């Protein structure tokens, strides 16, 4: 069984709500917005270098340089323009982040993510850019059984020989773990419902 990392999804919660968890020794936190992360985490991350910050939301190319400064992981890379921008900024800033490719398995128009048909080409493109792709990420369609989507992402991950899988949230983490997820994105089950 692989080690499981629980990302405490702290987006929209103020730092005072998160501090008890930090003080207890939890290391991995998830945010959706670059600006919120910079405002909230810049000071505490400089004090506590062990903290790891995960960008879970969509990343716009004009925010990439700020994202690379504050985040250790990006879970939402899904297009060539973004991949290229990350590669360029990493060279400029001399800092590498670990990257998940987001796959839109439900082919949902409102959701980010690359289609599975384009995944292999996109993965090879990212490798050519020397990006540190560690795994795949998905968000299954709401109101559908997540298991088939998790099974499919696990298969795709293995086909690319990737080690990590970012899947599973408060509502479906048990199914995700059963399908080899290594990074769970848990928010409401830790911090309570968002206002």
C-alpha atoms as a PDB file:
ATOM      1  CA  UNK A   1       0.000   0.000   0.000  1.00  0.00           C
ATOM      2  CA  UNK A   2       1.380   3.384  -1.007  1.00  0.00           C
ATOM      3  CA  UNK A   3       1.616   6.262   1.403  1.00  0.00           C
ATOM      4  CA  UNK A   4      -1.469   8.444   1.400  1.00  0.00           C
ATOM      5  CA  UNK A   5      -1.221  12.228   1.589  1.00  0.00           C
ATOM      6  CA  UNK A   6      -4.212  14.133   2.904  1.00  0.00           C
ATOM      7  CA  UNK A   7      -4.414  17.652   1.529  1.00  0.00           C
ATOM      8  CA  UNK A   8      -6.408  19.775   3.954  1.00  0.00           C
ATOM      9  CA  UNK A   9      -8.348  21.993   1.542  1.00  0.00           C
ATOM     10  CA  UNK A  10      -8.113  25.307   3.354  1.00  0.00           C
ATOM     11  CA  UNK A  11      -9.475  27.572   0.591  1.00  0.00           C
ATOM     12  CA  UNK A  12     -11.723  30.373   1.916  1.00  0.00           C
ATOM     13  CA  UNK A  13     -10.813  29.551   5.540  1.00  0.00           C
ATOM     14  CA  UNK A  14      -8.751  32.149   7.438  1.00  0.00           C
ATOM     15  CA  UNK A  15      -5.350  31.210   8.814  1.00  0.00           C
ATOM     16  CA  UNK A  16      -6.591  31.198  12.435  1.00  0.00           C
ATOM     17  CA  UNK A  17      -8.911  28.301  11.515  1.00  0.00           C
ATOM     18  CA  UNK A  18      -5.962  26.428   9.959  1.00  0.00           C
ATOM     19  CA  UNK A  19      -3.322  27.102  12.652  1.00  0.00           C
ATOM     20  CA  UNK A  20      -4.471  24.323  15.033  1.00  0.00           C
ATOM     21  CA  UNK A  21      -3.828  21.805  12.255  1.00  0.00           C
ATOM     22  CA  UNK A  22      -0.454  23.372  11.397  1.00  0.00           C
ATOM     23  CA  UNK A  23       0.515  23.329  15.068  1.00  0.00           C
ATOM     24  CA  UNK A  24      -0.536  19.679  15.267  1.00  0.00           C
ATOM     25  CA  UNK A  25       2.014  18.900  12.525  1.00  0.00           C
ATOM     26  CA  UNK A  26      -0.125  18.573   9.395  1.00  0.00           C
ATOM     27  CA  UNK A  27       1.935  19.602   6.354  1.00  0.00           C
ATOM     28  CA  UNK A  28      -0.186  19.586   3.147  1.00  0.00           C
ATOM     29  CA  UNK A  29      -2.781  22.283   2.373  1.00  0.00           C
ATOM     30  CA  UNK A  30      -4.863  23.062  -0.695  1.00  0.00           C
ATOM     31  CA  UNK A  31      -5.918  26.407  -2.126  1.00  0.00           C
ATOM     32  CA  UNK A  32      -7.895  27.291  -5.253  1.00  0.00           C
ATOM     33  CA  UNK A  33      -6.756  30.839  -5.880  1.00  0.00           C
ATOM     34  CA  UNK A  34      -3.238  32.165  -6.264  1.00  0.00           C
ATOM     35  CA  UNK A  35      -3.891  35.573  -4.695  1.00  0.00           C
ATOM     36  CA  UNK A  36      -5.631  34.102  -1.647  1.00  0.00           C
ATOM     37  CA  UNK A  37      -2.710  31.715  -1.177  1.00  0.00           C
ATOM     38  CA  UNK A  38      -0.125  34.508  -1.398  1.00  0.00           C
ATOM     39  CA  UNK A  39      -1.995  36.660   1.133  1.00  0.00           C
ATOM     40  CA  UNK A  40      -2.603  33.790   3.530  1.00  0.00           C
ATOM     41  CA  UNK A  41       0.508  31.608   3.289  1.00  0.00           C
ATOM     42  CA  UNK A  42       3.540  33.773   2.426  1.00  0.00           C
ATOM     43  CA  UNK A  43       4.520  34.539   6.028  1.00  0.00           C
ATOM     44  CA  UNK A  44       3.769  31.168   7.596  1.00  0.00           C
ATOM     45  CA  UNK A  45       5.571  29.305   4.793  1.00  0.00           C
ATOM     46  CA  UNK A  46       8.711  31.361   5.319  1.00  0.00           C
ATOM     47  CA  UNK A  47       8.576  30.461   9.045  1.00  0.00           C
ATOM     48  CA  UNK A  48       7.708  26.781   8.503  1.00  0.00           C
ATOM     49  CA  UNK A  49       9.608  25.476   5.499  1.00  0.00           C
ATOM     50  CA  UNK A  50       8.126  21.980   5.853  1.00  0.00           C
ATOM     51  CA  UNK A  51       4.650  23.175   4.806  1.00  0.00           C
ATOM     52  CA  UNK A  52       3.528  22.073   1.327  1.00  0.00           C
ATOM     53  CA  UNK A  53       0.952  24.056  -0.620  1.00  0.00           C
ATOM     54  CA  UNK A  54      -1.159  22.534  -3.398  1.00  0.00           C
ATOM     55  CA  UNK A  55      -2.918  24.581  -6.083  1.00  0.00           C
ATOM     56  CA  UNK A  56      -6.169  22.755  -6.783  1.00  0.00           C
ATOM     57  CA  UNK A  57      -8.052  25.351  -8.827  1.00  0.00           C
ATOM     58  CA  UNK A  58      -7.675  26.460 -12.419  1.00  0.00           C
ATOM     59  CA  UNK A  59      -4.450  28.379 -13.054  1.00  0.00           C
ATOM     60  CA  UNK A  60      -4.443  31.296 -15.483  1.00  0.00           C
ATOM     61  CA  UNK A  61      -1.220  31.883 -17.396  1.00  0.00           C
ATOM     62  CA  UNK A  62      -0.889  35.471 -16.075  1.00  0.00           C
ATOM     63  CA  UNK A  63      -0.699  34.082 -12.497  1.00  0.00           C
ATOM     64  CA  UNK A  64       1.889  31.357 -13.161  1.00  0.00           C
ATOM     65  CA  UNK A  65       4.938  33.188 -11.830  1.00  0.00           C
ATOM     66  CA  UNK A  66       3.146  33.974  -8.563  1.00  0.00           C
ATOM     67  CA  UNK A  67       1.866  30.390  -8.325  1.00  0.00           C
ATOM     68  CA  UNK A  68       5.355  28.936  -8.682  1.00  0.00           C
ATOM     69  CA  UNK A  69       6.644  31.207  -5.924  1.00  0.00           C
ATOM     70  CA  UNK A  70       4.112  30.008  -3.327  1.00  0.00           C
ATOM     71  CA  UNK A  71       2.948  26.523  -4.412  1.00  0.00           C
ATOM     72  CA  UNK A  72       4.827  23.223  -4.230  1.00  0.00           C
ATOM     73  CA  UNK A  73       2.274  21.271  -6.282  1.00  0.00           C
ATOM     74  CA  UNK A  74      -0.108  22.215  -9.112  1.00  0.00           C
ATOM     75  CA  UNK A  75      -2.970  19.750  -9.608  1.00  0.00           C
ATOM     76  CA  UNK A  76      -4.701  21.409 -12.560  1.00  0.00           C
ATOM     77  CA  UNK A  77      -2.401  21.529 -15.600  1.00  0.00           C
ATOM     78  CA  UNK A  78      -4.487  20.786 -18.690  1.00  0.00           C
ATOM     79  CA  UNK A  79      -3.254  22.704 -21.739  1.00  0.00           C
ATOM     80  CA  UNK A  80      -0.070  23.394 -23.704  1.00  0.00           C
ATOM     81  CA  UNK A  81      -0.061  27.156 -23.216  1.00  0.00           C
ATOM     82  CA  UNK A  82      -0.155  26.719 -19.434  1.00  0.00           C
ATOM     83  CA  UNK A  83       2.459  23.948 -19.489  1.00  0.00           C
ATOM     84  CA  UNK A  84       4.837  26.108 -21.548  1.00  0.00           C
ATOM     85  CA  UNK A  85       4.352  29.095 -19.242  1.00  0.00           C
ATOM     86  CA  UNK A  86       5.091  26.960 -16.168  1.00  0.00           C
ATOM     87  CA  UNK A  87       8.238  25.585 -17.835  1.00  0.00           C
ATOM     88  CA  UNK A  88       9.456  29.104 -18.724  1.00  0.00           C
ATOM     89  CA  UNK A  89       8.757  30.569 -15.273  1.00  0.00           C
ATOM     90  CA  UNK A  90      10.412  27.639 -13.490  1.00  0.00           C
ATOM     91  CA  UNK A  91      13.612  28.371 -15.374  1.00  0.00           C
ATOM     92  CA  UNK A  92      13.401  32.098 -14.531  1.00  0.00           C
ATOM     93  CA  UNK A  93      12.662  31.491 -10.849  1.00  0.00           C
ATOM     94  CA  UNK A  94      14.961  28.459 -10.568  1.00  0.00           C
ATOM     95  CA  UNK A  95      12.229  26.541  -8.729  1.00  0.00           C
ATOM     96  CA  UNK A  96      10.442  23.350  -9.768  1.00  0.00           C
ATOM     97  CA  UNK A  97       6.935  22.394  -8.722  1.00  0.00           C
ATOM     98  CA  UNK A  98       5.404  18.930  -8.828  1.00  0.00           C
ATOM     99  CA  UNK A  99       2.579  18.675 -11.341  1.00  0.00           C
ATOM    100  CA  UNK A 100      -0.582  16.665 -11.841  1.00  0.00           C
ATOM    101  CA  UNK A 101      -2.309  16.669 -15.228  1.00  0.00           C
ATOM    102  CA  UNK A 102      -6.045  17.225 -14.783  1.00  0.00           C
ATOM    103  CA  UNK A 103      -8.165  14.874 -16.906  1.00  0.00           C
ATOM    104  CA  UNK A 104     -11.808  15.619 -17.691  1.00  0.00           C
ATOM    105  CA  UNK A 105     -13.103  12.035 -17.665  1.00  0.00           C
ATOM    106  CA  UNK A 106     -16.760  13.045 -17.652  1.00  0.00           C
ATOM    107  CA  UNK A 107     -16.232  15.211 -20.772  1.00  0.00           C
ATOM    108  CA  UNK A 108     -18.030  17.985 -18.882  1.00  0.00           C
ATOM    109  CA  UNK A 109     -17.917  21.342 -20.649  1.00  0.00           C
ATOM    110  CA  UNK A 110     -17.930  23.397 -17.444  1.00  0.00           C
ATOM    111  CA  UNK A 111     -14.950  21.513 -16.013  1.00  0.00           C
ATOM    112  CA  UNK A 112     -11.262  21.987 -16.667  1.00  0.00           C
ATOM    113  CA  UNK A 113      -9.124  19.082 -17.700  1.00  0.00           C
ATOM    114  CA  UNK A 114      -7.708  17.564 -20.844  1.00  0.00           C
ATOM    115  CA  UNK A 115      -9.708  14.893 -22.648  1.00  0.00           C
ATOM    116  CA  UNK A 116      -8.360  11.379 -22.226  1.00  0.00           C
ATOM    117  CA  UNK A 117      -7.932  11.110 -26.024  1.00  0.00           C
ATOM    118  CA  UNK A 118      -5.347  13.930 -25.921  1.00  0.00           C
ATOM    119  CA  UNK A 119      -3.710  12.849 -22.675  1.00  0.00           C
ATOM    120  CA  UNK A 120      -0.760  10.863 -24.015  1.00  0.00           C
ATOM    121  CA  UNK A 121       0.325  13.587 -26.483  1.00  0.00           C
ATOM    122  CA  UNK A 122      -0.032  16.233 -23.798  1.00  0.00           C
ATOM    123  CA  UNK A 123       1.956  14.157 -21.304  1.00  0.00           C
ATOM    124  CA  UNK A 124       4.806  13.767 -23.819  1.00  0.00           C
ATOM    125  CA  UNK A 125       4.684  17.510 -24.548  1.00  0.00           C
ATOM    126  CA  UNK A 126       5.037  18.209 -20.787  1.00  0.00           C
ATOM    127  CA  UNK A 127       7.941  15.761 -20.505  1.00  0.00           C
ATOM    128  CA  UNK A 128       9.694  17.539 -23.390  1.00  0.00           C
ATOM    129  CA  UNK A 129       9.342  20.761 -21.421  1.00  0.00           C
ATOM    130  CA  UNK A 130      11.064  19.012 -18.476  1.00  0.00           C
ATOM    131  CA  UNK A 131       8.017  19.446 -16.245  1.00  0.00           C
ATOM    132  CA  UNK A 132       7.948  17.217 -13.167  1.00  0.00           C
ATOM    133  CA  UNK A 133       4.715  15.329 -13.918  1.00  0.00           C
ATOM    134  CA  UNK A 134       4.051  13.041 -10.957  1.00  0.00           C
ATOM    135  CA  UNK A 135       0.499  11.887 -11.721  1.00  0.00           C
ATOM    136  CA  UNK A 136      -3.042  12.527 -12.913  1.00  0.00           C
ATOM    137  CA  UNK A 137      -5.954  14.295 -11.233  1.00  0.00           C
ATOM    138  CA  UNK A 138      -9.710  14.168 -11.798  1.00  0.00           C
ATOM    139  CA  UNK A 139     -12.966  15.455 -10.363  1.00  0.00           C
ATOM    140  CA  UNK A 140     -15.744  12.966 -11.225  1.00  0.00           C
ATOM    141  CA  UNK A 141     -19.144  14.286 -12.300  1.00  0.00           C
ATOM    142  CA  UNK A 142     -21.389  15.193  -9.361  1.00  0.00           C
ATOM    143  CA  UNK A 143     -24.339  12.844  -8.725  1.00  0.00           C
ATOM    144  CA  UNK A 144     -22.668   9.917 -10.464  1.00  0.00           C
ATOM    145  CA  UNK A 145     -20.907   6.936  -8.929  1.00  0.00           C
ATOM    146  CA  UNK A 146     -17.250   8.070  -8.761  1.00  0.00           C
ATOM    147  CA  UNK A 147     -15.793   4.530  -8.837  1.00  0.00           C
ATOM    148  CA  UNK A 148     -15.740   4.003 -12.635  1.00  0.00           C
ATOM    149  CA  UNK A 149     -14.000   7.372 -13.059  1.00  0.00           C
ATOM    150  CA  UNK A 150     -11.428   6.553 -10.375  1.00  0.00           C
ATOM    151  CA  UNK A 151     -10.817   3.142 -11.954  1.00  0.00           C
ATOM    152  CA  UNK A 152     -10.295   4.748 -15.339  1.00  0.00           C
ATOM    153  CA  UNK A 153      -7.900   7.395 -14.019  1.00  0.00           C
ATOM    154  CA  UNK A 154      -5.921   4.699 -12.196  1.00  0.00           C
ATOM    155  CA  UNK A 155      -5.593   2.756 -15.489  1.00  0.00           C
ATOM    156  CA  UNK A 156      -4.519   5.876 -17.404  1.00  0.00           C
ATOM    157  CA  UNK A 157      -1.995   6.688 -14.672  1.00  0.00           C
ATOM    158  CA  UNK A 158      -0.481   3.215 -14.914  1.00  0.00           C
ATOM    159  CA  UNK A 159      -0.369   3.409 -18.718  1.00  0.00           C
ATOM    160  CA  UNK A 160       1.883   6.487 -18.374  1.00  0.00           C
ATOM    161  CA  UNK A 161       3.870   4.816 -15.593  1.00  0.00           C
ATOM    162  CA  UNK A 162       3.101   7.633 -13.137  1.00  0.00           C
ATOM    163  CA  UNK A 163       3.346   7.106  -9.382  1.00  0.00           C
ATOM    164  CA  UNK A 164       0.817   9.517  -7.848  1.00  0.00           C
ATOM    165  CA  UNK A 165      -2.956   9.961  -8.188  1.00  0.00           C
ATOM    166  CA  UNK A 166      -4.864  13.045  -7.017  1.00  0.00           C
ATOM    167  CA  UNK A 167      -8.462  11.963  -6.563  1.00  0.00           C
ATOM    168  CA  UNK A 168     -11.038  11.829  -3.816  1.00  0.00           C
ATOM    169  CA  UNK A 169     -12.712  14.555  -1.779  1.00  0.00           C
ATOM    170  CA  UNK A 170     -14.750  14.604   1.433  1.00  0.00           C
ATOM    171  CA  UNK A 171     -17.697  12.853  -0.244  1.00  0.00           C
ATOM    172  CA  UNK A 172     -15.856  10.091  -2.120  1.00  0.00           C
ATOM    173  CA  UNK A 173     -12.433   9.549  -0.571  1.00  0.00           C
ATOM    174  CA  UNK A 174     -13.093   5.914   0.399  1.00  0.00           C
ATOM    175  CA  UNK A 175     -13.786   5.003  -3.249  1.00  0.00           C
ATOM    176  CA  UNK A 176     -10.680   6.945  -4.267  1.00  0.00           C
ATOM    177  CA  UNK A 177      -8.479   5.063  -1.788  1.00  0.00           C
ATOM    178  CA  UNK A 178      -9.883   1.751  -3.045  1.00  0.00           C
ATOM    179  CA  UNK A 179      -8.652   2.780  -6.514  1.00  0.00           C
ATOM    180  CA  UNK A 180      -5.071   3.648  -5.504  1.00  0.00           C
ATOM    181  CA  UNK A 181      -5.381   7.396  -4.888  1.00  0.00           C
ATOM    182  CA  UNK A 182      -2.266   8.769  -3.195  1.00  0.00           C
ATOM    183  CA  UNK A 183      -3.437  12.378  -2.674  1.00  0.00           C
ATOM    184  CA  UNK A 184      -6.865  13.049  -1.139  1.00  0.00           C
ATOM    185  CA  UNK A 185      -8.287  16.583  -1.268  1.00  0.00           C
ATOM    186  CA  UNK A 186     -10.327  16.881   1.939  1.00  0.00           C
ATOM    187  CA  UNK A 187     -11.953  20.170   2.928  1.00  0.00           C
ATOM    188  CA  UNK A 188     -15.376  20.101   4.580  1.00  0.00           C
ATOM    189  CA  UNK A 189     -14.664  16.844   6.462  1.00  0.00           C
ATOM    190  CA  UNK A 190     -11.777  18.648   8.194  1.00  0.00           C
ATOM    191  CA  UNK A 191     -12.807  22.299   8.449  1.00  0.00           C
ATOM    192  CA  UNK A 192     -16.609  22.012   8.268  1.00  0.00           C
ATOM    193  CA  UNK A 193     -18.866  23.430   5.568  1.00  0.00           C
ATOM    194  CA  UNK A 194     -17.818  26.639   3.845  1.00  0.00           C
ATOM    195  CA  UNK A 195     -19.971  29.695   4.474  1.00  0.00           C
END
